[in-house]
Amino acid sequence: MQTFQLITTSRLHYVFFLLIGIFGSAFLFIGLLPKGTNQYLFIGAIVGLCILVYWIAAKYSKQTVELSISEEYLQIDWIKLPLFSSKQNKQLDWTEIDTYVYQIEKDFDLFKLTLKDGEKLKFSIAHDIDHQDSFQEFYQSFLSKVNALQEQQTNGRGVTIKKGKTFYETPVGIGLAFLLTGAIVFAFVFAFLNQDKRPVKWGKLISAAFATLFYIQLVWTHNKRK
C-alpha cells in the first residue's frame, strides 16, 4: 500500500475568510482612521491589511488528507479540517470510481473524482512547491494504478476508470475563450477609434486583456495536454 499525505485547501473556507477579513477589516480600518491621514500612509496600511487578510484566508482554510492506494481500494482519511468543517473518511473500491479530472487553475489545481453514484470528491492543491510535489507523487501513482487496473481482469472484466473533461475542454469553456477574445479585440478597436471623443480607461482595458490571455492560456494548455 502506498500512502500520501496532502495539504489541500477548502475553497469554501478560503472565500469565507477572505470576504470576512476584507469587509470586516475595511469597516474597522475606515472607522478608526483619523481624518486627514496622509494618503501614502493610507495606501500602505491598505496594502498591509490585504496581505494579512490573504495570509489568514490561506492559513485557516488548509486541510490535511491522507490518501492510500492499495490493490482493492483508495482510502481517504481526513487528518485535519478547517474550523466548522466535517468530512467523512472513505474507503472506495476501485469499481466505485467513474472518472477523474486534473484541472490547472489560477490559484489552485483541482483533482476531482466522480463516483458511479454521482458523488463528487474534490481536492484543491495550492500553487507552492511543497504541496505540488506531494500531490504529483500521489497523482503519478494514481495514474499507474488506474492503468494497471484497466489492463488486468477482475471477475472476468476490466476495471475502467475514465479521464473526465476539465471545464476548459468542454464546448462552454472553449466557446467562452472565443467570446472573450472577440470582446477584447472589439474593445481595443472601439477605444482606438473613439479615443478623441471620450477618455479611454487603458488600465482597466489592459487588465481585462491580461485576464483574457490567462484564460486562453488555460484553455490551450488543457486541450494541448489532451
C-alpha atoms as a PDB file:
ATOM      1  CA  MET A   1       0.000   0.000   0.000  1.00  0.00           C
ATOM      2  CA  GLN A   2       1.213   3.487  -0.889  1.00  0.00           C
ATOM      3  CA  THR A   3       0.232   6.354   1.423  1.00  0.00           C
ATOM      4  CA  PHE A   4       0.447  10.073   0.626  1.00  0.00           C
ATOM      5  CA  GLN A   5      -0.274  12.977   2.935  1.00  0.00           C
ATOM      6  CA  LEU A   6      -1.504  16.081   1.104  1.00  0.00           C
ATOM      7  CA  ILE A   7      -2.212  19.628   2.245  1.00  0.00           C
ATOM      8  CA  THR A   8      -5.316  20.798   0.414  1.00  0.00           C
ATOM      9  CA  THR A   9      -7.493  23.907   0.594  1.00  0.00           C
ATOM     10  CA  SER A  10     -11.185  24.198   1.379  1.00  0.00           C
ATOM     11  CA  ARG A  11     -12.308  26.766  -1.199  1.00  0.00           C
ATOM     12  CA  LEU A  12     -15.474  27.497   0.758  1.00  0.00           C
ATOM     13  CA  HIS A  13     -13.436  28.388   3.845  1.00  0.00           C
ATOM     14  CA  TYR A  14     -10.910  30.320   1.749  1.00  0.00           C
ATOM     15  CA  VAL A  15     -13.586  32.556   0.225  1.00  0.00           C
ATOM     16  CA  PHE A  16     -15.404  32.880   3.570  1.00  0.00           C
ATOM     17  CA  PHE A  17     -12.304  34.023   5.475  1.00  0.00           C
ATOM     18  CA  LEU A  18     -11.297  36.265   2.594  1.00  0.00           C
ATOM     19  CA  LEU A  19     -14.634  38.083   2.451  1.00  0.00           C
ATOM     20  CA  ILE A  20     -14.981  38.349   6.227  1.00  0.00           C
ATOM     21  CA  GLY A  21     -11.422  39.633   6.500  1.00  0.00           C
ATOM     22  CA  ILE A  22     -11.722  42.192   3.719  1.00  0.00           C
ATOM     23  CA  PHE A  23     -15.085  43.674   4.687  1.00  0.00           C
ATOM     24  CA  GLY A  24     -14.551  43.410   8.444  1.00  0.00           C
ATOM     25  CA  SER A  25     -11.092  44.969   8.317  1.00  0.00           C
ATOM     26  CA  ALA A  26     -12.207  47.684   5.901  1.00  0.00           C
ATOM     27  CA  PHE A  27     -15.070  48.799   8.163  1.00  0.00           C
ATOM     28  CA  LEU A  28     -12.834  48.697  11.223  1.00  0.00           C
ATOM     29  CA  PHE A  29      -9.959  50.469   9.481  1.00  0.00           C
ATOM     30  CA  ILE A  30     -12.084  53.256   7.982  1.00  0.00           C
ATOM     31  CA  GLY A  31     -13.880  53.778  11.296  1.00  0.00           C
ATOM     32  CA  LEU A  32     -10.651  54.135  13.286  1.00  0.00           C
ATOM     33  CA  LEU A  33      -8.637  56.066  10.699  1.00  0.00           C
ATOM     34  CA  PRO A  34      -8.222  59.715  11.701  1.00  0.00           C
ATOM     35  CA  LYS A  35      -9.399  62.279   9.177  1.00  0.00           C
ATOM     36  CA  GLY A  36      -6.682  63.929   7.115  1.00  0.00           C
ATOM     37  CA  THR A  37      -4.376  60.885   7.217  1.00  0.00           C
ATOM     38  CA  ASN A  38      -1.508  61.054   4.722  1.00  0.00           C
ATOM     39  CA  GLN A  39      -2.542  59.264   1.508  1.00  0.00           C
ATOM     40  CA  TYR A  40       0.710  57.273   1.307  1.00  0.00           C
ATOM     41  CA  LEU A  41       0.222  56.059   4.855  1.00  0.00           C
ATOM     42  CA  PHE A  42      -3.356  55.164   3.952  1.00  0.00           C
ATOM     43  CA  ILE A  43      -2.284  53.193   0.841  1.00  0.00           C
ATOM     44  CA  GLY A  44       0.475  51.420   2.790  1.00  0.00           C
ATOM     45  CA  ALA A  45      -1.967  50.424   5.520  1.00  0.00           C
ATOM     46  CA  ILE A  46      -4.437  49.085   2.944  1.00  0.00           C
ATOM     47  CA  VAL A  47      -1.720  47.009   1.222  1.00  0.00           C
ATOM     48  CA  GLY A  48      -0.553  45.608   4.566  1.00  0.00           C
ATOM     49  CA  LEU A  49      -4.122  44.813   5.516  1.00  0.00           C
ATOM     50  CA  CYS A  50      -4.734  42.949   2.248  1.00  0.00           C
ATOM     51  CA  ILE A  51      -1.592  40.867   2.729  1.00  0.00           C
ATOM     52  CA  LEU A  52      -2.683  39.963   6.261  1.00  0.00           C
ATOM     53  CA  VAL A  53      -6.191  39.001   5.110  1.00  0.00           C
ATOM     54  CA  TYR A  54      -4.855  36.766   2.317  1.00  0.00           C
ATOM     55  CA  TRP A  55      -2.437  35.113   4.754  1.00  0.00           C
ATOM     56  CA  ILE A  56      -5.230  34.404   7.247  1.00  0.00           C
ATOM     57  CA  ALA A  57      -7.507  33.030   4.496  1.00  0.00           C
ATOM     58  CA  ALA A  58      -4.755  30.755   3.165  1.00  0.00           C
ATOM     59  CA  LYS A  59      -3.712  29.529   6.631  1.00  0.00           C
ATOM     60  CA  TYR A  60      -7.138  28.796   8.096  1.00  0.00           C
ATOM     61  CA  SER A  61      -8.606  27.144   5.006  1.00  0.00           C
ATOM     62  CA  LYS A  62      -5.927  24.429   4.908  1.00  0.00           C
ATOM     63  CA  GLN A  63      -6.853  20.793   5.470  1.00  0.00           C
ATOM     64  CA  THR A  64      -4.726  17.660   5.639  1.00  0.00           C
ATOM     65  CA  VAL A  65      -5.795  14.462   3.917  1.00  0.00           C
ATOM     66  CA  GLU A  66      -4.103  11.075   3.739  1.00  0.00           C
ATOM     67  CA  LEU A  67      -4.669   9.098   0.537  1.00  0.00           C
ATOM     68  CA  SER A  68      -3.735   5.410   0.456  1.00  0.00           C
ATOM     69  CA  ILE A  69      -3.591   3.328  -2.714  1.00  0.00           C
ATOM     70  CA  SER A  70      -3.952  -0.436  -2.359  1.00  0.00           C
ATOM     71  CA  GLU A  71      -4.857  -3.272  -4.692  1.00  0.00           C
ATOM     72  CA  GLU A  72      -8.510  -3.255  -3.655  1.00  0.00           C
ATOM     73  CA  TYR A  73      -9.345   0.356  -2.802  1.00  0.00           C
ATOM     74  CA  LEU A  74      -8.485   4.042  -2.438  1.00  0.00           C
ATOM     75  CA  GLN A  75      -8.581   5.092   1.207  1.00  0.00           C
ATOM     76  CA  ILE A  76      -9.328   8.753   2.082  1.00  0.00           C
ATOM     77  CA  ASP A  77      -8.609   9.803   5.668  1.00  0.00           C
ATOM     78  CA  TRP A  78      -9.100  13.415   6.767  1.00  0.00           C
ATOM     79  CA  ILE A  79      -6.471  14.203   9.409  1.00  0.00           C
ATOM     80  CA  LYS A  80      -7.020  17.917   9.887  1.00  0.00           C
ATOM     81  CA  LEU A  81     -10.006  20.022   8.819  1.00  0.00           C
ATOM     82  CA  PRO A  82     -10.719  23.777   8.970  1.00  0.00           C
ATOM     83  CA  LEU A  83     -12.984  25.287  11.623  1.00  0.00           C
ATOM     84  CA  PHE A  84     -16.651  24.173  11.390  1.00  0.00           C
ATOM     85  CA  SER A  85     -15.810  21.573   8.734  1.00  0.00           C
ATOM     86  CA  SER A  86     -16.891  17.950   8.830  1.00  0.00           C
ATOM     87  CA  LYS A  87     -15.931  15.291   6.282  1.00  0.00           C
ATOM     88  CA  GLN A  88     -16.235  11.544   6.463  1.00  0.00           C
ATOM     89  CA  ASN A  89     -13.340   9.196   5.805  1.00  0.00           C
ATOM     90  CA  LYS A  90     -13.974   6.937   2.833  1.00  0.00           C
ATOM     91  CA  GLN A  91     -12.767   3.628   1.532  1.00  0.00           C
ATOM     92  CA  LEU A  92     -13.522   3.490  -2.184  1.00  0.00           C
ATOM     93  CA  ASP A  93     -13.437   0.260  -4.098  1.00  0.00           C
ATOM     94  CA  TRP A  94     -11.838   0.961  -7.480  1.00  0.00           C
ATOM     95  CA  THR A  95     -15.030  -0.187  -9.189  1.00  0.00           C
ATOM     96  CA  GLU A  96     -16.902   2.703  -7.485  1.00  0.00           C
ATOM     97  CA  ILE A  97     -14.872   5.377  -9.310  1.00  0.00           C
ATOM     98  CA  ASP A  98     -16.231   6.512 -12.671  1.00  0.00           C
ATOM     99  CA  THR A  99     -13.946   9.376 -13.780  1.00  0.00           C
ATOM    100  CA  TYR A 100     -11.059  11.507 -12.583  1.00  0.00           C
ATOM    101  CA  VAL A 101     -10.091  15.053 -13.588  1.00  0.00           C
ATOM    102  CA  TYR A 102      -6.915  17.049 -13.054  1.00  0.00           C
ATOM    103  CA  GLN A 103      -7.563  20.733 -13.788  1.00  0.00           C
ATOM    104  CA  ILE A 104      -4.976  23.522 -13.643  1.00  0.00           C
ATOM    105  CA  GLU A 105      -6.408  26.811 -12.374  1.00  0.00           C
ATOM    106  CA  LYS A 106      -5.225  30.274 -11.330  1.00  0.00           C
ATOM    107  CA  ASP A 107      -4.756  29.838  -7.569  1.00  0.00           C
ATOM    108  CA  PHE A 108      -5.245  26.096  -7.060  1.00  0.00           C
ATOM    109  CA  ASP A 109      -5.048  22.914  -9.081  1.00  0.00           C
ATOM    110  CA  LEU A 110      -8.163  20.768  -8.861  1.00  0.00           C
ATOM    111  CA  PHE A 111      -8.203  16.985  -8.617  1.00  0.00           C
ATOM    112  CA  LYS A 112     -11.734  15.583  -8.824  1.00  0.00           C
ATOM    113  CA  LEU A 113     -13.146  12.077  -8.571  1.00  0.00           C
ATOM    114  CA  THR A 114     -16.677  11.339  -9.751  1.00  0.00           C
ATOM    115  CA  LEU A 115     -18.182   8.143  -8.373  1.00  0.00           C
ATOM    116  CA  LYS A 116     -20.648   5.967 -10.243  1.00  0.00           C
ATOM    117  CA  ASP A 117     -23.419   7.026  -7.859  1.00  0.00           C
ATOM    118  CA  GLY A 118     -22.877  10.661  -8.903  1.00  0.00           C
ATOM    119  CA  GLU A 119     -20.951  11.810  -5.793  1.00  0.00           C
ATOM    120  CA  LYS A 120     -18.007  14.149  -6.463  1.00  0.00           C
ATOM    121  CA  LEU A 121     -14.851  14.350  -4.330  1.00  0.00           C
ATOM    122  CA  LYS A 122     -12.694  17.438  -4.886  1.00  0.00           C
ATOM    123  CA  PHE A 123      -9.171  18.244  -3.715  1.00  0.00           C
ATOM    124  CA  SER A 124      -7.700  21.730  -4.276  1.00  0.00           C
ATOM    125  CA  ILE A 125      -3.906  21.938  -4.245  1.00  0.00           C
ATOM    126  CA  ALA A 126      -2.228  25.327  -3.697  1.00  0.00           C
ATOM    127  CA  HIS A 127       0.435  26.555  -6.119  1.00  0.00           C
ATOM    128  CA  ASP A 128       3.531  26.111  -3.982  1.00  0.00           C
ATOM    129  CA  ILE A 129       6.396  23.676  -4.360  1.00  0.00           C
ATOM    130  CA  ASP A 130       5.855  21.573  -1.214  1.00  0.00           C
ATOM    131  CA  HIS A 131       2.145  20.989  -1.817  1.00  0.00           C
ATOM    132  CA  GLN A 132       2.575  20.410  -5.552  1.00  0.00           C
ATOM    133  CA  ASP A 133       5.399  17.888  -5.085  1.00  0.00           C
ATOM    134  CA  SER A 134       3.330  15.775  -2.676  1.00  0.00           C
ATOM    135  CA  PHE A 135       0.324  15.905  -4.975  1.00  0.00           C
ATOM    136  CA  GLN A 136       2.329  14.991  -8.092  1.00  0.00           C
ATOM    137  CA  GLU A 137       3.737  11.924  -6.316  1.00  0.00           C
ATOM    138  CA  PHE A 138       0.207  10.811  -5.472  1.00  0.00           C
ATOM    139  CA  TYR A 139      -1.149  11.657  -8.939  1.00  0.00           C
ATOM    140  CA  GLN A 140       1.527   9.656 -10.774  1.00  0.00           C
ATOM    141  CA  SER A 141       0.903   6.650  -8.509  1.00  0.00           C
ATOM    142  CA  PHE A 142      -2.841   7.044  -9.039  1.00  0.00           C
ATOM    143  CA  LEU A 143      -2.392   7.067 -12.835  1.00  0.00           C
ATOM    144  CA  SER A 144      -0.164   3.993 -12.658  1.00  0.00           C
ATOM    145  CA  LYS A 145      -2.791   2.174 -10.610  1.00  0.00           C
ATOM    146  CA  VAL A 146      -5.595   3.199 -12.980  1.00  0.00           C
ATOM    147  CA  ASN A 147      -3.614   1.946 -15.992  1.00  0.00           C
ATOM    148  CA  ALA A 148      -2.818  -1.328 -14.235  1.00  0.00           C
ATOM    149  CA  LEU A 149      -6.465  -1.853 -13.269  1.00  0.00           C
ATOM    150  CA  GLN A 150      -7.615  -1.347 -16.827  1.00  0.00           C
ATOM    151  CA  GLU A 151      -5.172  -3.931 -18.095  1.00  0.00           C
ATOM    152  CA  GLN A 152      -5.928  -6.676 -15.580  1.00  0.00           C
ATOM    153  CA  GLN A 153      -9.071  -8.732 -15.309  1.00  0.00           C
ATOM    154  CA  THR A 154     -11.286  -8.677 -12.209  1.00  0.00           C
ATOM    155  CA  ASN A 155     -14.012 -11.305 -12.175  1.00  0.00           C
ATOM    156  CA  GLY A 156     -13.707 -11.619 -15.911  1.00  0.00           C
ATOM    157  CA  ARG A 157     -13.910  -7.885 -16.637  1.00  0.00           C
ATOM    158  CA  GLY A 158     -11.567  -4.917 -16.595  1.00  0.00           C
ATOM    159  CA  VAL A 159     -11.932  -2.069 -14.112  1.00  0.00           C
ATOM    160  CA  THR A 160     -12.350   1.071 -16.224  1.00  0.00           C
ATOM    161  CA  ILE A 161     -11.783   4.496 -14.699  1.00  0.00           C
ATOM    162  CA  LYS A 162     -12.114   7.185 -17.356  1.00  0.00           C
ATOM    163  CA  LYS A 163     -10.317  10.515 -17.600  1.00  0.00           C
ATOM    164  CA  GLY A 164     -13.018  13.190 -17.480  1.00  0.00           C
ATOM    165  CA  LYS A 165     -13.036  16.584 -19.183  1.00  0.00           C
ATOM    166  CA  THR A 166     -11.959  19.727 -17.402  1.00  0.00           C
ATOM    167  CA  PHE A 167     -14.135  22.831 -17.769  1.00  0.00           C
ATOM    168  CA  TYR A 168     -11.584  24.196 -20.261  1.00  0.00           C
ATOM    169  CA  GLU A 169     -12.091  21.176 -22.533  1.00  0.00           C
ATOM    170  CA  THR A 170     -15.884  21.486 -22.695  1.00  0.00           C
ATOM    171  CA  PRO A 171     -17.686  23.338 -25.524  1.00  0.00           C
ATOM    172  CA  VAL A 172     -18.711  26.020 -22.996  1.00  0.00           C
ATOM    173  CA  GLY A 173     -15.118  26.551 -21.831  1.00  0.00           C
ATOM    174  CA  ILE A 174     -13.735  26.692 -25.383  1.00  0.00           C
ATOM    175  CA  GLY A 175     -16.597  28.874 -26.604  1.00  0.00           C
ATOM    176  CA  LEU A 176     -16.025  31.298 -23.736  1.00  0.00           C
ATOM    177  CA  ALA A 177     -12.391  31.689 -24.849  1.00  0.00           C
ATOM    178  CA  PHE A 178     -13.512  32.718 -28.348  1.00  0.00           C
ATOM    179  CA  LEU A 179     -16.173  35.039 -26.918  1.00  0.00           C
ATOM    180  CA  LEU A 180     -13.721  36.773 -24.576  1.00  0.00           C
ATOM    181  CA  THR A 181     -11.147  37.128 -27.365  1.00  0.00           C
ATOM    182  CA  GLY A 182     -13.716  38.752 -29.631  1.00  0.00           C
ATOM    183  CA  ALA A 183     -14.881  41.077 -26.861  1.00  0.00           C
ATOM    184  CA  ILE A 184     -11.333  42.247 -26.055  1.00  0.00           C
ATOM    185  CA  VAL A 185     -10.454  42.816 -29.724  1.00  0.00           C
ATOM    186  CA  PHE A 186     -13.679  44.790 -30.194  1.00  0.00           C
ATOM    187  CA  ALA A 187     -12.980  46.828 -27.036  1.00  0.00           C
ATOM    188  CA  PHE A 188      -9.486  47.810 -28.202  1.00  0.00           C
ATOM    189  CA  VAL A 189     -10.654  48.705 -31.718  1.00  0.00           C
ATOM    190  CA  PHE A 190     -13.544  50.745 -30.302  1.00  0.00           C
ATOM    191  CA  ALA A 191     -11.184  52.510 -27.856  1.00  0.00           C
ATOM    192  CA  PHE A 192      -8.702  53.467 -30.587  1.00  0.00           C
ATOM    193  CA  LEU A 193     -11.408  54.761 -32.902  1.00  0.00           C
ATOM    194  CA  ASN A 194     -13.165  56.780 -30.207  1.00  0.00           C
ATOM    195  CA  GLN A 195     -10.307  57.975 -28.001  1.00  0.00           C
ATOM    196  CA  ASP A 196     -10.728  61.535 -29.277  1.00  0.00           C
ATOM    197  CA  LYS A 197     -14.421  61.577 -28.345  1.00  0.00           C
ATOM    198  CA  ARG A 198     -14.236  60.050 -24.882  1.00  0.00           C
ATOM    199  CA  PRO A 199     -11.404  59.217 -22.434  1.00  0.00           C
ATOM    200  CA  VAL A 200     -10.230  55.626 -22.512  1.00  0.00           C
ATOM    201  CA  LYS A 201      -9.508  53.804 -19.251  1.00  0.00           C
ATOM    202  CA  TRP A 202      -6.465  51.971 -20.577  1.00  0.00           C
ATOM    203  CA  GLY A 203      -5.561  50.499 -17.194  1.00  0.00           C
ATOM    204  CA  LYS A 204      -8.832  48.595 -16.892  1.00  0.00           C
ATOM    205  CA  LEU A 205      -8.738  47.588 -20.563  1.00  0.00           C
ATOM    206  CA  ILE A 206      -5.192  46.209 -20.312  1.00  0.00           C
ATOM    207  CA  SER A 207      -6.058  44.375 -17.073  1.00  0.00           C
ATOM    208  CA  ALA A 208      -9.049  42.769 -18.824  1.00  0.00           C
ATOM    209  CA  ALA A 209      -6.792  41.788 -21.738  1.00  0.00           C
ATOM    210  CA  PHE A 210      -4.287  40.069 -19.406  1.00  0.00           C
ATOM    211  CA  ALA A 211      -7.115  38.209 -17.635  1.00  0.00           C
ATOM    212  CA  THR A 212      -8.435  37.052 -21.019  1.00  0.00           C
ATOM    213  CA  LEU A 213      -4.976  35.924 -22.145  1.00  0.00           C
ATOM    214  CA  PHE A 214      -4.575  33.933 -18.930  1.00  0.00           C
ATOM    215  CA  TYR A 215      -7.915  32.196 -19.521  1.00  0.00           C
ATOM    216  CA  ILE A 216      -6.998  31.451 -23.149  1.00  0.00           C
ATOM    217  CA  GLN A 217      -3.689  30.008 -21.945  1.00  0.00           C
ATOM    218  CA  LEU A 218      -5.585  27.651 -19.589  1.00  0.00           C
ATOM    219  CA  VAL A 219      -7.854  26.515 -22.434  1.00  0.00           C
ATOM    220  CA  TRP A 220      -4.849  25.978 -24.712  1.00  0.00           C
ATOM    221  CA  THR A 221      -2.873  24.091 -22.047  1.00  0.00           C
ATOM    222  CA  HIS A 222      -5.684  21.670 -21.152  1.00  0.00           C
ATOM    223  CA  ASN A 223      -6.611  20.935 -24.764  1.00  0.00           C
ATOM    224  CA  LYS A 224      -2.968  20.544 -25.775  1.00  0.00           C
ATOM    225  CA  ARG A 225      -2.441  18.011 -22.960  1.00  0.00           C
ATOM    226  CA  LYS A 226      -5.482  16.143 -24.211  1.00  0.00           C
END
